[in-house]
N, C-alpha and C. Protein backbone atom coordinates (compact mmCIF):
# COMPACT_ATOMS: atom_id res chain seq x y z
N MET A 1 9.71 13.70 23.50
CA MET A 1 10.01 12.98 22.29
C MET A 1 9.03 11.82 22.14
N ILE A 2 8.68 11.51 20.94
CA ILE A 2 7.76 10.40 20.67
C ILE A 2 8.53 9.29 19.97
N ILE A 3 8.30 8.10 20.40
CA ILE A 3 8.91 6.94 19.77
C ILE A 3 7.75 6.05 19.33
N ILE A 4 7.67 5.76 18.05
CA ILE A 4 6.56 4.97 17.52
C ILE A 4 6.92 3.49 17.60
N SER A 5 6.66 2.93 18.73
CA SER A 5 6.84 1.49 18.94
C SER A 5 6.23 1.17 20.30
N GLY A 6 6.38 -0.04 20.73
CA GLY A 6 5.92 -0.41 22.06
C GLY A 6 4.46 -0.08 22.30
N THR A 7 4.20 0.66 23.37
CA THR A 7 2.84 0.96 23.81
C THR A 7 2.04 1.68 22.74
N LEU A 8 2.61 2.69 22.11
CA LEU A 8 1.87 3.44 21.09
C LEU A 8 1.54 2.56 19.90
N ASP A 9 2.44 1.67 19.57
CA ASP A 9 2.17 0.74 18.47
C ASP A 9 0.95 -0.11 18.79
N ILE A 10 0.85 -0.59 20.00
CA ILE A 10 -0.28 -1.43 20.40
C ILE A 10 -1.56 -0.61 20.51
N LEU A 11 -1.48 0.57 21.16
CA LEU A 11 -2.68 1.37 21.41
C LEU A 11 -3.26 2.01 20.16
N TYR A 12 -2.45 2.26 19.16
CA TYR A 12 -2.99 2.90 17.97
C TYR A 12 -2.85 2.00 16.74
N PHE A 13 -1.64 1.85 16.27
CA PHE A 13 -1.46 1.12 15.02
C PHE A 13 -1.98 -0.31 15.10
N GLY A 14 -1.62 -1.01 16.15
CA GLY A 14 -2.07 -2.39 16.30
C GLY A 14 -3.58 -2.49 16.37
N TYR A 15 -4.19 -1.58 17.12
CA TYR A 15 -5.64 -1.58 17.30
C TYR A 15 -6.36 -1.35 15.96
N VAL A 16 -5.94 -0.33 15.25
CA VAL A 16 -6.58 -0.01 13.96
C VAL A 16 -6.38 -1.15 12.97
N LYS A 17 -5.17 -1.68 12.89
CA LYS A 17 -4.91 -2.76 11.93
C LYS A 17 -5.67 -4.04 12.30
N GLU A 18 -5.85 -4.31 13.58
CA GLU A 18 -6.58 -5.51 13.99
C GLU A 18 -8.06 -5.43 13.60
N TRP A 19 -8.67 -4.26 13.74
CA TRP A 19 -10.09 -4.13 13.47
C TRP A 19 -10.41 -3.88 12.00
N TRP A 20 -9.49 -3.34 11.25
CA TRP A 20 -9.76 -2.97 9.85
C TRP A 20 -10.31 -4.12 9.02
N PRO A 21 -9.76 -5.32 9.08
CA PRO A 21 -10.32 -6.42 8.26
C PRO A 21 -11.74 -6.80 8.65
N TRP A 22 -12.17 -6.45 9.82
CA TRP A 22 -13.50 -6.82 10.31
C TRP A 22 -14.54 -5.72 10.08
N ARG A 23 -14.19 -4.65 9.44
CA ARG A 23 -15.04 -3.46 9.34
C ARG A 23 -16.40 -3.72 8.68
N HIS A 24 -16.51 -4.76 7.88
CA HIS A 24 -17.78 -5.04 7.19
C HIS A 24 -18.65 -6.07 7.93
N GLU A 25 -18.15 -6.58 9.02
CA GLU A 25 -18.92 -7.57 9.77
C GLU A 25 -20.12 -6.90 10.43
N PRO A 26 -21.25 -7.58 10.50
CA PRO A 26 -22.47 -6.95 11.04
C PRO A 26 -22.38 -6.61 12.53
N ASN A 27 -21.48 -7.23 13.26
CA ASN A 27 -21.35 -6.95 14.68
C ASN A 27 -20.15 -6.06 15.01
N VAL A 28 -19.64 -5.36 14.00
CA VAL A 28 -18.50 -4.45 14.18
C VAL A 28 -18.90 -3.06 13.68
N LEU A 29 -18.62 -2.05 14.47
CA LEU A 29 -18.87 -0.67 14.08
C LEU A 29 -17.59 0.13 14.32
N LEU A 30 -16.96 0.55 13.25
CA LEU A 30 -15.78 1.40 13.37
C LEU A 30 -16.24 2.85 13.38
N LEU A 31 -15.83 3.56 14.42
CA LEU A 31 -16.14 4.98 14.54
C LEU A 31 -14.83 5.76 14.56
N HIS A 32 -14.87 6.96 14.06
CA HIS A 32 -13.68 7.81 14.00
C HIS A 32 -13.98 9.15 14.66
N TYR A 33 -13.03 9.64 15.42
CA TYR A 33 -13.20 10.91 16.11
C TYR A 33 -13.53 12.04 15.12
N ALA A 34 -12.92 12.01 13.96
CA ALA A 34 -13.19 13.06 12.97
C ALA A 34 -14.66 13.10 12.59
N ASP A 35 -15.27 11.93 12.46
CA ASP A 35 -16.69 11.89 12.11
C ASP A 35 -17.55 12.45 13.23
N ALA A 36 -17.20 12.13 14.47
CA ALA A 36 -17.94 12.67 15.62
C ALA A 36 -17.77 14.18 15.72
N THR A 37 -16.60 14.67 15.39
CA THR A 37 -16.35 16.10 15.43
C THR A 37 -17.16 16.83 14.35
N LYS A 38 -17.25 16.24 13.19
CA LYS A 38 -17.97 16.86 12.08
C LYS A 38 -19.49 16.81 12.27
N ASP A 39 -20.00 15.68 12.83
CA ASP A 39 -21.44 15.52 12.99
C ASP A 39 -21.72 14.55 14.13
N LEU A 40 -21.66 15.04 15.35
CA LEU A 40 -21.86 14.20 16.53
C LEU A 40 -23.24 13.55 16.52
N GLY A 41 -24.25 14.28 16.07
CA GLY A 41 -25.60 13.72 16.02
C GLY A 41 -25.68 12.49 15.13
N ALA A 42 -25.00 12.52 13.99
CA ALA A 42 -25.01 11.38 13.08
C ALA A 42 -24.32 10.18 13.71
N VAL A 43 -23.23 10.42 14.44
CA VAL A 43 -22.51 9.33 15.09
C VAL A 43 -23.35 8.75 16.22
N VAL A 44 -24.01 9.59 16.98
CA VAL A 44 -24.88 9.10 18.06
C VAL A 44 -26.01 8.25 17.46
N SER A 45 -26.61 8.72 16.38
CA SER A 45 -27.68 7.96 15.73
C SER A 45 -27.17 6.62 15.20
N LYS A 46 -25.99 6.64 14.60
CA LYS A 46 -25.39 5.43 14.06
C LYS A 46 -25.12 4.42 15.17
N LEU A 47 -24.59 4.90 16.27
CA LEU A 47 -24.29 4.04 17.41
C LEU A 47 -25.58 3.48 18.03
N ALA A 48 -26.58 4.32 18.15
CA ALA A 48 -27.86 3.86 18.70
C ALA A 48 -28.47 2.78 17.81
N LYS A 49 -28.47 3.01 16.52
CA LYS A 49 -29.02 2.02 15.59
C LYS A 49 -28.24 0.71 15.67
N PHE A 50 -26.92 0.81 15.71
CA PHE A 50 -26.06 -0.38 15.77
C PHE A 50 -26.35 -1.21 17.02
N THR A 51 -26.58 -0.53 18.14
CA THR A 51 -26.82 -1.25 19.40
C THR A 51 -28.29 -1.57 19.64
N GLY A 52 -29.16 -1.17 18.71
CA GLY A 52 -30.57 -1.47 18.83
C GLY A 52 -31.30 -0.61 19.85
N VAL A 53 -30.77 0.58 20.11
CA VAL A 53 -31.38 1.48 21.08
C VAL A 53 -32.15 2.56 20.32
N HIS A 54 -33.41 2.73 20.70
CA HIS A 54 -34.21 3.80 20.11
C HIS A 54 -34.11 5.02 21.03
N LEU A 55 -33.54 6.09 20.52
CA LEU A 55 -33.43 7.32 21.31
C LEU A 55 -34.52 8.29 20.89
N LEU A 56 -35.24 8.79 21.87
CA LEU A 56 -36.18 9.88 21.61
C LEU A 56 -35.36 11.14 21.37
N PRO A 57 -35.90 12.13 20.71
CA PRO A 57 -35.13 13.34 20.42
C PRO A 57 -34.46 13.97 21.66
N TRP A 58 -35.18 14.01 22.78
CA TRP A 58 -34.59 14.62 23.98
C TRP A 58 -33.44 13.76 24.52
N GLN A 59 -33.54 12.43 24.33
CA GLN A 59 -32.46 11.55 24.78
C GLN A 59 -31.22 11.72 23.89
N SER A 60 -31.46 11.82 22.61
CA SER A 60 -30.34 12.04 21.68
C SER A 60 -29.64 13.37 22.00
N ALA A 61 -30.42 14.39 22.30
CA ALA A 61 -29.84 15.69 22.65
C ALA A 61 -29.01 15.58 23.93
N LYS A 62 -29.48 14.81 24.89
CA LYS A 62 -28.75 14.63 26.14
C LYS A 62 -27.43 13.89 25.90
N VAL A 63 -27.47 12.86 25.08
CA VAL A 63 -26.25 12.12 24.75
C VAL A 63 -25.25 13.06 24.06
N ARG A 64 -25.72 13.83 23.10
CA ARG A 64 -24.82 14.76 22.38
C ARG A 64 -24.23 15.79 23.34
N ALA A 65 -25.04 16.28 24.27
CA ALA A 65 -24.54 17.26 25.24
C ALA A 65 -23.46 16.66 26.14
N ARG A 66 -23.63 15.40 26.49
CA ARG A 66 -22.65 14.75 27.37
C ARG A 66 -21.41 14.26 26.63
N ALA A 67 -21.49 14.20 25.31
CA ALA A 67 -20.36 13.69 24.53
C ALA A 67 -19.60 14.81 23.81
N ASN A 68 -19.95 16.06 24.06
CA ASN A 68 -19.26 17.14 23.34
C ASN A 68 -18.01 17.60 24.09
N ILE A 69 -17.20 18.38 23.42
CA ILE A 69 -15.91 18.79 23.98
C ILE A 69 -16.07 19.65 25.23
N LYS A 70 -17.09 20.47 25.31
CA LYS A 70 -17.29 21.29 26.52
C LYS A 70 -17.47 20.41 27.75
N GLN A 71 -18.29 19.37 27.60
CA GLN A 71 -18.51 18.45 28.71
C GLN A 71 -17.24 17.68 29.04
N MET A 72 -16.52 17.26 28.03
CA MET A 72 -15.28 16.52 28.28
C MET A 72 -14.26 17.39 29.02
N LYS A 73 -14.22 18.66 28.68
CA LYS A 73 -13.29 19.57 29.38
C LYS A 73 -13.69 19.74 30.85
N LYS A 74 -14.99 19.76 31.11
CA LYS A 74 -15.45 19.85 32.50
C LYS A 74 -15.00 18.65 33.31
N LEU A 75 -14.89 17.52 32.64
CA LEU A 75 -14.53 16.27 33.30
C LEU A 75 -13.14 15.79 32.89
N ALA A 76 -12.28 16.72 32.54
CA ALA A 76 -10.96 16.36 32.00
C ALA A 76 -10.18 15.42 32.90
N HIS A 77 -10.34 15.56 34.20
CA HIS A 77 -9.61 14.70 35.13
C HIS A 77 -9.97 13.23 34.93
N LYS A 78 -11.14 12.94 34.39
CA LYS A 78 -11.54 11.55 34.16
C LYS A 78 -10.92 10.98 32.88
N PHE A 79 -10.44 11.85 32.03
CA PHE A 79 -9.87 11.40 30.76
C PHE A 79 -8.34 11.47 30.75
N ASP A 80 -7.75 12.16 31.69
CA ASP A 80 -6.30 12.30 31.69
C ASP A 80 -5.61 11.00 32.04
N TYR A 81 -4.65 10.69 31.28
CA TYR A 81 -3.77 9.56 31.56
C TYR A 81 -2.43 9.90 30.93
N THR A 82 -1.42 9.24 31.36
CA THR A 82 -0.10 9.49 30.81
C THR A 82 0.07 8.63 29.57
N GLN A 83 0.39 9.23 28.45
CA GLN A 83 0.61 8.50 27.21
C GLN A 83 2.09 8.14 27.11
N TRP A 84 2.37 6.91 27.38
CA TRP A 84 3.74 6.43 27.29
C TRP A 84 4.06 6.08 25.86
N ALA A 85 5.28 6.23 25.49
CA ALA A 85 5.71 5.91 24.13
C ALA A 85 6.88 4.95 24.18
N GLY A 86 7.15 4.35 23.06
CA GLY A 86 8.29 3.45 22.97
C GLY A 86 8.15 2.26 23.88
N ASP A 87 9.17 2.02 24.69
CA ASP A 87 9.16 0.85 25.57
C ASP A 87 8.49 1.14 26.90
N GLY A 88 7.85 2.29 27.03
CA GLY A 88 7.14 2.64 28.25
C GLY A 88 7.98 3.43 29.23
N THR A 89 9.17 3.81 28.85
CA THR A 89 10.02 4.57 29.74
C THR A 89 9.99 6.07 29.44
N LYS A 90 9.36 6.46 28.34
CA LYS A 90 9.30 7.87 27.97
C LYS A 90 7.85 8.30 27.85
N ILE A 91 7.58 9.52 28.25
CA ILE A 91 6.24 10.08 28.12
C ILE A 91 6.19 10.84 26.80
N MET A 92 5.06 10.75 26.09
CA MET A 92 4.89 11.45 24.84
C MET A 92 4.64 12.93 25.12
N CYS A 93 5.66 13.74 24.99
CA CYS A 93 5.54 15.17 25.25
C CYS A 93 5.75 15.93 23.95
N GLY A 94 4.94 16.94 23.75
CA GLY A 94 5.05 17.78 22.57
C GLY A 94 5.46 19.18 22.94
N LYS A 95 5.18 20.13 22.05
CA LYS A 95 5.56 21.53 22.26
C LYS A 95 4.89 22.14 23.48
N ASP A 96 3.64 21.70 23.76
CA ASP A 96 2.86 22.35 24.81
C ASP A 96 2.65 21.50 26.05
N GLY A 97 3.48 20.52 26.27
CA GLY A 97 3.34 19.74 27.48
C GLY A 97 3.19 18.26 27.24
N CYS A 98 2.90 17.57 28.31
CA CYS A 98 2.78 16.11 28.29
C CYS A 98 1.34 15.72 28.60
N PRO A 99 0.63 15.10 27.65
CA PRO A 99 -0.75 14.69 27.91
C PRO A 99 -0.86 13.82 29.14
N GLY A 100 -1.81 14.14 29.99
CA GLY A 100 -2.06 13.37 31.17
C GLY A 100 -1.17 13.74 32.35
N VAL A 101 -0.09 14.41 32.07
CA VAL A 101 0.81 14.82 33.14
C VAL A 101 0.46 16.22 33.61
N ASP A 102 0.17 17.09 32.66
CA ASP A 102 -0.13 18.48 33.01
C ASP A 102 -1.58 18.84 32.73
N GLY A 103 -2.45 17.86 32.60
CA GLY A 103 -3.87 18.12 32.36
C GLY A 103 -4.19 18.53 30.95
N ALA A 104 -3.29 18.23 30.00
CA ALA A 104 -3.47 18.70 28.64
C ALA A 104 -4.00 17.65 27.67
N LEU A 105 -4.42 16.49 28.16
CA LEU A 105 -4.88 15.46 27.24
C LEU A 105 -6.12 15.92 26.47
N ILE A 106 -7.08 16.51 27.16
CA ILE A 106 -8.26 17.06 26.49
C ILE A 106 -7.91 18.50 26.15
N ARG A 107 -7.61 18.75 24.89
CA ARG A 107 -7.18 20.08 24.51
C ARG A 107 -8.32 20.86 23.87
N THR A 108 -8.36 20.94 22.55
CA THR A 108 -9.36 21.78 21.90
C THR A 108 -10.53 20.99 21.32
N GLY A 109 -10.31 19.72 21.05
CA GLY A 109 -11.34 18.93 20.41
C GLY A 109 -11.41 19.14 18.92
N LYS A 110 -10.54 19.98 18.39
CA LYS A 110 -10.53 20.27 16.96
C LYS A 110 -9.63 19.27 16.24
N LEU A 111 -9.99 19.00 15.01
CA LEU A 111 -9.17 18.11 14.19
C LEU A 111 -7.86 18.80 13.82
N GLY A 112 -6.81 18.03 13.70
CA GLY A 112 -5.53 18.57 13.29
C GLY A 112 -4.69 19.12 14.41
N GLY A 113 -5.10 18.91 15.66
CA GLY A 113 -4.36 19.44 16.79
C GLY A 113 -2.96 18.88 16.92
N GLY A 114 -2.75 17.71 16.36
CA GLY A 114 -1.42 17.11 16.42
C GLY A 114 -0.37 17.96 15.73
N LYS A 115 -0.79 18.69 14.70
CA LYS A 115 0.16 19.56 13.99
C LYS A 115 0.71 20.64 14.90
N GLU A 116 -0.13 21.10 15.82
CA GLU A 116 0.32 22.12 16.77
C GLU A 116 1.10 21.51 17.92
N PHE A 117 0.74 20.28 18.30
CA PHE A 117 1.36 19.60 19.43
C PHE A 117 2.73 19.02 19.08
N PHE A 118 2.82 18.38 17.89
CA PHE A 118 4.05 17.71 17.50
C PHE A 118 5.18 18.69 17.20
N THR A 119 6.36 18.32 17.62
CA THR A 119 7.56 19.03 17.18
C THR A 119 7.84 18.54 15.76
N PRO A 120 8.70 19.23 15.00
CA PRO A 120 9.03 18.74 13.64
C PRO A 120 9.58 17.31 13.67
N GLU A 121 10.39 17.00 14.67
CA GLU A 121 10.94 15.64 14.77
C GLU A 121 9.83 14.62 15.00
N MET A 122 8.89 14.94 15.87
CA MET A 122 7.77 14.05 16.13
C MET A 122 6.93 13.86 14.88
N ALA A 123 6.68 14.93 14.15
CA ALA A 123 5.87 14.84 12.93
C ALA A 123 6.53 13.92 11.91
N ALA A 124 7.83 14.02 11.77
CA ALA A 124 8.56 13.17 10.82
C ALA A 124 8.49 11.71 11.25
N LEU A 125 8.65 11.45 12.55
CA LEU A 125 8.56 10.08 13.06
C LEU A 125 7.16 9.52 12.86
N TRP A 126 6.15 10.36 13.11
CA TRP A 126 4.77 9.92 12.94
C TRP A 126 4.48 9.57 11.48
N GLU A 127 4.86 10.44 10.57
CA GLU A 127 4.61 10.18 9.14
C GLU A 127 5.31 8.91 8.68
N ALA A 128 6.53 8.69 9.15
CA ALA A 128 7.26 7.48 8.79
C ALA A 128 6.54 6.25 9.34
N ALA A 129 6.04 6.34 10.57
CA ALA A 129 5.32 5.21 11.17
C ALA A 129 4.01 4.93 10.45
N VAL A 130 3.28 5.98 10.09
CA VAL A 130 2.03 5.81 9.35
C VAL A 130 2.31 5.12 8.02
N GLU A 131 3.33 5.55 7.34
CA GLU A 131 3.69 4.94 6.05
C GLU A 131 4.07 3.47 6.25
N LYS A 132 4.85 3.20 7.27
CA LYS A 132 5.28 1.82 7.54
C LYS A 132 4.09 0.94 7.90
N GLU A 133 3.21 1.42 8.74
CA GLU A 133 2.11 0.60 9.25
C GLU A 133 0.90 0.53 8.33
N PHE A 134 0.58 1.62 7.65
CA PHE A 134 -0.64 1.68 6.84
C PHE A 134 -0.37 1.88 5.35
N GLY A 135 0.86 2.14 4.97
CA GLY A 135 1.19 2.52 3.60
C GLY A 135 0.79 1.53 2.53
N SER A 136 0.72 0.24 2.88
CA SER A 136 0.36 -0.76 1.87
C SER A 136 -1.14 -0.77 1.60
N ASP A 137 -1.92 -0.06 2.39
CA ASP A 137 -3.37 -0.01 2.22
C ASP A 137 -3.81 1.45 2.21
N PRO A 138 -3.90 2.06 1.04
CA PRO A 138 -4.23 3.49 0.96
C PRO A 138 -5.55 3.86 1.62
N GLU A 139 -6.55 2.96 1.52
CA GLU A 139 -7.85 3.27 2.13
C GLU A 139 -7.75 3.29 3.66
N LEU A 140 -7.04 2.34 4.23
CA LEU A 140 -6.82 2.32 5.67
C LEU A 140 -6.05 3.56 6.10
N LYS A 141 -5.03 3.89 5.36
CA LYS A 141 -4.21 5.07 5.68
C LYS A 141 -5.08 6.33 5.68
N ARG A 142 -5.94 6.48 4.68
CA ARG A 142 -6.81 7.65 4.59
C ARG A 142 -7.83 7.66 5.72
N TRP A 143 -8.49 6.49 5.97
CA TRP A 143 -9.51 6.44 7.00
C TRP A 143 -8.91 6.71 8.38
N ALA A 144 -7.77 6.13 8.66
CA ALA A 144 -7.13 6.34 9.96
C ALA A 144 -6.80 7.81 10.18
N ALA A 145 -6.48 8.52 9.14
CA ALA A 145 -6.14 9.94 9.25
C ALA A 145 -7.35 10.86 9.25
N GLU A 146 -8.39 10.50 8.48
CA GLU A 146 -9.48 11.43 8.23
C GLU A 146 -10.87 10.95 8.63
N GLY A 147 -11.03 9.64 8.83
CA GLY A 147 -12.36 9.10 9.06
C GLY A 147 -13.16 9.08 7.77
N GLY A 148 -14.47 9.11 7.90
CA GLY A 148 -15.34 9.10 6.72
C GLY A 148 -15.70 7.69 6.29
N ARG A 149 -16.26 7.60 5.12
CA ARG A 149 -16.70 6.31 4.60
C ARG A 149 -15.52 5.45 4.16
N PHE A 150 -15.76 4.17 4.17
CA PHE A 150 -14.77 3.24 3.64
C PHE A 150 -15.51 2.15 2.88
N SER A 151 -14.79 1.49 1.98
CA SER A 151 -15.45 0.43 1.19
C SER A 151 -15.19 -0.92 1.82
């Protein structure tokens, strides 16, 4: 069961809401997983430019190879952690297991995987939480869900 409060509120909703007002500052770069999934090369280039690093083509290729889902799956043990929900006494478990508990945190790398992971009850709780936390700002709500450009 997933409870949208406590740890998850801080790790996701709180984090996104804290950084959103700063998105136009020259020393802030907001990146979204959806954008990296759609065009990892563009995200690597954007990050390199932001940090002032000039990557040669072979270096950019190496970064992309190390940042793709195949590589992450090879090193899944380094990314697994237990995702606690609510007050920290419950683990966020879906239809196919508990992320970080059964090695399932790194799954497919495809967008929309939450739809397969969430139970109907979890999906309803998530949608209600998104509306509560981001509903007053349609652009934030859209960007948090889909990535892409923002104004």
